[in-house]
Amino acid sequence: MAKKKSFVLRLSPETFKKLEKWAVDEFRSTNGQIEWILNKALKDAGRLKDEKKSDDHSE
């Protein structure tokens, strides 16, 4: 497993509470939900390689 970077994230209590509920609704930890949101945003913005496409072109 890749090493992960730790950092402090400051959120309003209201935002954190909503994020926490969203995570519970999707059976994730709050940290996992934040990571999922960030990865989705990066992918949607075209800042992450689509691993399936990369694998298809590597042959």
PDB file of N, CA and C in Angstrom:
ATOM      1  N   MET A   1       0.843  -1.181   0.000  1.00  0.00           N
ATOM      2  CA  MET A   1       0.000   0.000   0.000  1.00  0.00           C
ATOM      3  C   MET A   1       0.891   1.247   0.000  1.00  0.00           C
ATOM      4  N   ALA A   2       0.515   2.231  -0.775  1.00  0.00           N
ATOM      5  CA  ALA A   2       1.292   3.464  -0.862  1.00  0.00           C
ATOM      6  C   ALA A   2       1.223   4.237   0.450  1.00  0.00           C
ATOM      7  N   LYS A   3       2.330   4.883   0.765  1.00  0.00           N
ATOM      8  CA  LYS A   3       2.388   5.699   1.965  1.00  0.00           C
ATOM      9  C   LYS A   3       1.491   6.917   1.781  1.00  0.00           C
ATOM     10  N   LYS A   4       0.815   7.334   2.838  1.00  0.00           N
ATOM     11  CA  LYS A   4      -0.098   8.473   2.754  1.00  0.00           C
ATOM     12  C   LYS A   4       0.443   9.640   3.558  1.00  0.00           C
ATOM     13  N   LYS A   5       0.184  10.832   3.079  1.00  0.00           N
ATOM     14  CA  LYS A   5       0.615  12.068   3.722  1.00  0.00           C
ATOM     15  C   LYS A   5      -0.464  12.510   4.701  1.00  0.00           C
ATOM     16  N   SER A   6      -0.064  12.891   5.894  1.00  0.00           N
ATOM     17  CA  SER A   6      -0.993  13.412   6.898  1.00  0.00           C
ATOM     18  C   SER A   6      -0.940  14.928   6.906  1.00  0.00           C
ATOM     19  N   PHE A   7      -2.100  15.555   7.096  1.00  0.00           N
ATOM     20  CA  PHE A   7      -2.150  17.008   7.218  1.00  0.00           C
ATOM     21  C   PHE A   7      -3.414  17.407   7.966  1.00  0.00           C
ATOM     22  N   VAL A   8      -3.430  18.637   8.447  1.00  0.00           N
ATOM     23  CA  VAL A   8      -4.576  19.157   9.190  1.00  0.00           C
ATOM     24  C   VAL A   8      -5.538  19.812   8.208  1.00  0.00           C
ATOM     25  N   LEU A   9      -6.821  19.544   8.372  1.00  0.00           N
ATOM     26  CA  LEU A   9      -7.859  20.158   7.549  1.00  0.00           C
ATOM     27  C   LEU A   9      -8.847  20.834   8.487  1.00  0.00           C
ATOM     28  N   ARG A  10      -9.036  22.116   8.301  1.00  0.00           N
ATOM     29  CA  ARG A  10      -9.973  22.859   9.142  1.00  0.00           C
ATOM     30  C   ARG A  10     -11.296  23.022   8.402  1.00  0.00           C
ATOM     31  N   LEU A  11     -12.371  22.593   9.048  1.00  0.00           N
ATOM     32  CA  LEU A  11     -13.717  22.700   8.492  1.00  0.00           C
ATOM     33  C   LEU A  11     -14.643  23.301   9.533  1.00  0.00           C
ATOM     34  N   SER A  12     -15.695  23.943   9.065  1.00  0.00           N
ATOM     35  CA  SER A  12     -16.702  24.418  10.016  1.00  0.00           C
ATOM     36  C   SER A  12     -17.389  23.190  10.616  1.00  0.00           C
ATOM     37  N   PRO A  13     -17.892  23.319  11.826  1.00  0.00           N
ATOM     38  CA  PRO A  13     -18.590  22.183  12.440  1.00  0.00           C
ATOM     39  C   PRO A  13     -19.770  21.691  11.592  1.00  0.00           C
ATOM     40  N   GLU A  14     -20.471  22.621  10.939  1.00  0.00           N
ATOM     41  CA  GLU A  14     -21.614  22.244  10.105  1.00  0.00           C
ATOM     42  C   GLU A  14     -21.163  21.409   8.902  1.00  0.00           C
ATOM     43  N   THR A  15     -20.080  21.850   8.258  1.00  0.00           N
ATOM     44  CA  THR A  15     -19.555  21.114   7.105  1.00  0.00           C
ATOM     45  C   THR A  15     -19.092  19.732   7.531  1.00  0.00           C
ATOM     46  N   PHE A  16     -18.394  19.658   8.652  1.00  0.00           N
ATOM     47  CA  PHE A  16     -17.906  18.367   9.129  1.00  0.00           C
ATOM     48  C   PHE A  16     -19.064  17.427   9.436  1.00  0.00           C
ATOM     49  N   LYS A  17     -20.097  17.947  10.069  1.00  0.00           N
ATOM     50  CA  LYS A  17     -21.255  17.122  10.415  1.00  0.00           C
ATOM     51  C   LYS A  17     -21.919  16.559   9.153  1.00  0.00           C
ATOM     52  N   LYS A  18     -22.066  17.390   8.118  1.00  0.00           N
ATOM     53  CA  LYS A  18     -22.666  16.937   6.857  1.00  0.00           C
ATOM     54  C   LYS A  18     -21.773  15.909   6.166  1.00  0.00           C
ATOM     55  N   LEU A  19     -20.476  16.140   6.203  1.00  0.00           N
ATOM     56  CA  LEU A  19     -19.511  15.218   5.607  1.00  0.00           C
ATOM     57  C   LEU A  19     -19.528  13.873   6.334  1.00  0.00           C
ATOM     58  N   GLU A  20     -19.607  13.946   7.647  1.00  0.00           N
ATOM     59  CA  GLU A  20     -19.663  12.742   8.471  1.00  0.00           C
ATOM     60  C   GLU A  20     -20.913  11.910   8.145  1.00  0.00           C
ATOM     61  N   LYS A  21     -22.055  12.575   8.009  1.00  0.00           N
ATOM     62  CA  LYS A  21     -23.302  11.875   7.673  1.00  0.00           C
ATOM     63  C   LYS A  21     -23.217  11.249   6.284  1.00  0.00           C
ATOM     64  N   TRP A  22     -22.653  11.988   5.328  1.00  0.00           N
ATOM     65  CA  TRP A  22     -22.489  11.469   3.968  1.00  0.00           C
ATOM     66  C   TRP A  22     -21.626  10.209   3.995  1.00  0.00           C
ATOM     67  N   ALA A  23     -20.551  10.252   4.767  1.00  0.00           N
ATOM     68  CA  ALA A  23     -19.659   9.093   4.880  1.00  0.00           C
ATOM     69  C   ALA A  23     -20.411   7.887   5.447  1.00  0.00           C
ATOM     70  N   VAL A  24     -21.173   8.095   6.496  1.00  0.00           N
ATOM     71  CA  VAL A  24     -21.942   7.004   7.102  1.00  0.00           C
ATOM     72  C   VAL A  24     -22.939   6.437   6.093  1.00  0.00           C
ATOM     73  N   ASP A  25     -23.601   7.313   5.342  1.00  0.00           N
ATOM     74  CA  ASP A  25     -24.574   6.874   4.334  1.00  0.00           C
ATOM     75  C   ASP A  25     -23.936   5.980   3.275  1.00  0.00           C
ATOM     76  N   GLU A  26     -22.654   6.182   2.999  1.00  0.00           N
ATOM     77  CA  GLU A  26     -21.956   5.410   1.970  1.00  0.00           C
ATOM     78  C   GLU A  26     -21.000   4.368   2.558  1.00  0.00           C
ATOM     79  N   PHE A  27     -21.152   4.108   3.861  1.00  0.00           N
ATOM     80  CA  PHE A  27     -20.365   3.085   4.554  1.00  0.00           C
ATOM     81  C   PHE A  27     -18.862   3.319   4.444  1.00  0.00           C
ATOM     82  N   ARG A  28     -18.458   4.584   4.581  1.00  0.00           N
ATOM     83  CA  ARG A  28     -17.040   4.949   4.577  1.00  0.00           C
ATOM     84  C   ARG A  28     -16.716   5.664   5.881  1.00  0.00           C
ATOM     85  N   SER A  29     -15.422   5.714   6.190  1.00  0.00           N
ATOM     86  CA  SER A  29     -14.979   6.573   7.285  1.00  0.00           C
ATOM     87  C   SER A  29     -15.025   8.010   6.775  1.00  0.00           C
ATOM     88  N   THR A  30     -15.006   8.961   7.678  1.00  0.00           N
ATOM     89  CA  THR A  30     -14.994  10.365   7.261  1.00  0.00           C
ATOM     90  C   THR A  30     -13.743  10.649   6.446  1.00  0.00           C
ATOM     91  N   ASN A  31     -12.610  10.140   6.886  1.00  0.00           N
ATOM     92  CA  ASN A  31     -11.364  10.330   6.147  1.00  0.00           C
ATOM     93  C   ASN A  31     -11.449   9.695   4.758  1.00  0.00           C
ATOM     94  N   GLY A  32     -12.014   8.501   4.689  1.00  0.00           N
ATOM     95  CA  GLY A  32     -12.190   7.830   3.408  1.00  0.00           C
ATOM     96  C   GLY A  32     -13.108   8.609   2.478  1.00  0.00           C
ATOM     97  N   GLN A  33     -14.130   9.233   3.041  1.00  0.00           N
ATOM     98  CA  GLN A  33     -15.054  10.032   2.237  1.00  0.00           C
ATOM     99  C   GLN A  33     -14.350  11.260   1.666  1.00  0.00           C
ATOM    100  N   ILE A  34     -13.544  11.918   2.484  1.00  0.00           N
ATOM    101  CA  ILE A  34     -12.791  13.088   2.007  1.00  0.00           C
ATOM    102  C   ILE A  34     -11.853  12.669   0.879  1.00  0.00           C
ATOM    103  N   GLU A  35     -11.164  11.550   1.057  1.00  0.00           N
ATOM    104  CA  GLU A  35     -10.246  11.067   0.023  1.00  0.00           C
ATOM    105  C   GLU A  35     -11.007  10.728  -1.259  1.00  0.00           C
ATOM    106  N   TRP A  36     -12.182  10.100  -1.127  1.00  0.00           N
ATOM    107  CA  TRP A  36     -13.000   9.760  -2.291  1.00  0.00           C
ATOM    108  C   TRP A  36     -13.431  11.032  -3.038  1.00  0.00           C
ATOM    109  N   ILE A  37     -13.881  12.043  -2.292  1.00  0.00           N
ATOM    110  CA  ILE A  37     -14.311  13.313  -2.897  1.00  0.00           C
ATOM    111  C   ILE A  37     -13.147  13.965  -3.644  1.00  0.00           C
ATOM    112  N   LEU A  38     -11.987  14.003  -3.011  1.00  0.00           N
ATOM    113  CA  LEU A  38     -10.822  14.626  -3.647  1.00  0.00           C
ATOM    114  C   LEU A  38     -10.395  13.862  -4.899  1.00  0.00           C
ATOM    115  N   ASN A  39     -10.363  12.538  -4.829  1.00  0.00           N
ATOM    116  CA  ASN A  39      -9.990  11.739  -6.003  1.00  0.00           C
ATOM    117  C   ASN A  39     -10.980  11.915  -7.145  1.00  0.00           C
ATOM    118  N   LYS A  40     -12.279  11.974  -6.817  1.00  0.00           N
ATOM    119  CA  LYS A  40     -13.299  12.183  -7.850  1.00  0.00           C
ATOM    120  C   LYS A  40     -13.131  13.556  -8.494  1.00  0.00           C
ATOM    121  N   ALA A  41     -12.876  14.577  -7.681  1.00  0.00           N
ATOM    122  CA  ALA A  41     -12.677  15.930  -8.214  1.00  0.00           C
ATOM    123  C   ALA A  41     -11.447  15.984  -9.121  1.00  0.00           C
ATOM    124  N   LEU A  42     -10.367  15.337  -8.710  1.00  0.00           N
ATOM    125  CA  LEU A  42      -9.157  15.300  -9.537  1.00  0.00           C
ATOM    126  C   LEU A  42      -9.413  14.586 -10.861  1.00  0.00           C
ATOM    127  N   LYS A  43     -10.129  13.477 -10.807  1.00  0.00           N
ATOM    128  CA  LYS A  43     -10.436  12.724 -12.024  1.00  0.00           C
ATOM    129  C   LYS A  43     -11.348  13.542 -12.940  1.00  0.00           C
ATOM    130  N   ASP A  44     -12.392  14.150 -12.366  1.00  0.00           N
ATOM    131  CA  ASP A  44     -13.330  14.955 -13.158  1.00  0.00           C
ATOM    132  C   ASP A  44     -12.643  16.145 -13.816  1.00  0.00           C
ATOM    133  N   ALA A  45     -11.605  16.674 -13.166  1.00  0.00           N
ATOM    134  CA  ALA A  45     -10.865  17.821 -13.701  1.00  0.00           C
ATOM    135  C   ALA A  45      -9.770  17.389 -14.680  1.00  0.00           C
ATOM    136  N   GLY A  46      -9.642  16.081 -14.893  1.00  0.00           N
ATOM    137  CA  GLY A  46      -8.627  15.582 -15.811  1.00  0.00           C
ATOM    138  C   GLY A  46      -7.223  15.637 -15.246  1.00  0.00           C
ATOM    139  N   ARG A  47      -7.110  15.633 -13.939  1.00  0.00           N
ATOM    140  CA  ARG A  47      -5.800  15.714 -13.301  1.00  0.00           C
ATOM    141  C   ARG A  47      -5.296  14.367 -12.798  1.00  0.00           C
ATOM    142  N   LEU A  48      -6.080  13.312 -13.008  1.00  0.00           N
ATOM    143  CA  LEU A  48      -5.651  11.945 -12.693  1.00  0.00           C
ATOM    144  C   LEU A  48      -5.719  11.137 -13.968  1.00  0.00           C
ATOM    145  N   LYS A  49      -4.750  10.258 -14.149  1.00  0.00           N
ATOM    146  CA  LYS A  49      -4.796   9.354 -15.292  1.00  0.00           C
ATOM    147  C   LYS A  49      -5.889   8.331 -15.042  1.00  0.00           C
ATOM    148  N   ASP A  50      -6.631   7.998 -16.067  1.00  0.00           N
ATOM    149  CA  ASP A  50      -7.601   6.916 -15.970  1.00  0.00           C
ATOM    150  C   ASP A  50      -6.811   5.619 -16.071  1.00  0.00           C
ATOM    151  N   GLU A  51      -6.707   4.888 -14.967  1.00  0.00           N
ATOM    152  CA  GLU A  51      -5.854   3.699 -14.903  1.00  0.00           C
ATOM    153  C   GLU A  51      -6.247   2.645 -15.930  1.00  0.00           C
ATOM    154  N   LYS A  52      -7.527   2.482 -16.220  1.00  0.00           N
ATOM    155  CA  LYS A  52      -7.958   1.487 -17.205  1.00  0.00           C
ATOM    156  C   LYS A  52      -7.451   1.859 -18.590  1.00  0.00           C
ATOM    157  N   LYS A  53      -7.559   3.133 -18.956  1.00  0.00           N
ATOM    158  CA  LYS A  53      -7.077   3.574 -20.263  1.00  0.00           C
ATOM    159  C   LYS A  53      -5.567   3.422 -20.354  1.00  0.00           C
ATOM    160  N   SER A  54      -4.855   3.736 -19.284  1.00  0.00           N
ATOM    161  CA  SER A  54      -3.399   3.598 -19.270  1.00  0.00           C
ATOM    162  C   SER A  54      -2.996   2.142 -19.455  1.00  0.00           C
ATOM    163  N   ASP A  55      -3.718   1.234 -18.808  1.00  0.00           N
ATOM    164  CA  ASP A  55      -3.417  -0.189 -18.926  1.00  0.00           C
ATOM    165  C   ASP A  55      -3.676  -0.695 -20.341  1.00  0.00           C
ATOM    166  N   ASP A  56      -4.741  -0.208 -20.974  1.00  0.00           N
ATOM    167  CA  ASP A  56      -5.077  -0.647 -22.329  1.00  0.00           C
ATOM    168  C   ASP A  56      -4.014  -0.234 -23.341  1.00  0.00           C
ATOM    169  N   HIS A  57      -3.380   0.916 -23.143  1.00  0.00           N
ATOM    170  CA  HIS A  57      -2.395   1.431 -24.084  1.00  0.00           C
ATOM    171  C   HIS A  57      -0.985   0.921 -23.816  1.00  0.00           C
ATOM    172  N   SER A  58      -0.793   0.180 -22.740  1.00  0.00           N
ATOM    173  CA  SER A  58       0.554  -0.255 -22.382  1.00  0.00           C
ATOM    174  C   SER A  58       0.971  -1.539 -23.097  1.00  0.00           C
ATOM    175  N   GLU A  59       0.090  -2.152 -23.845  1.00  0.00           N
ATOM    176  CA  GLU A  59       0.422  -3.421 -24.509  1.00  0.00           C
ATOM    177  C   GLU A  59       1.202  -3.219 -25.765  1.00  0.00           C
TER     178      GLU A  59
END
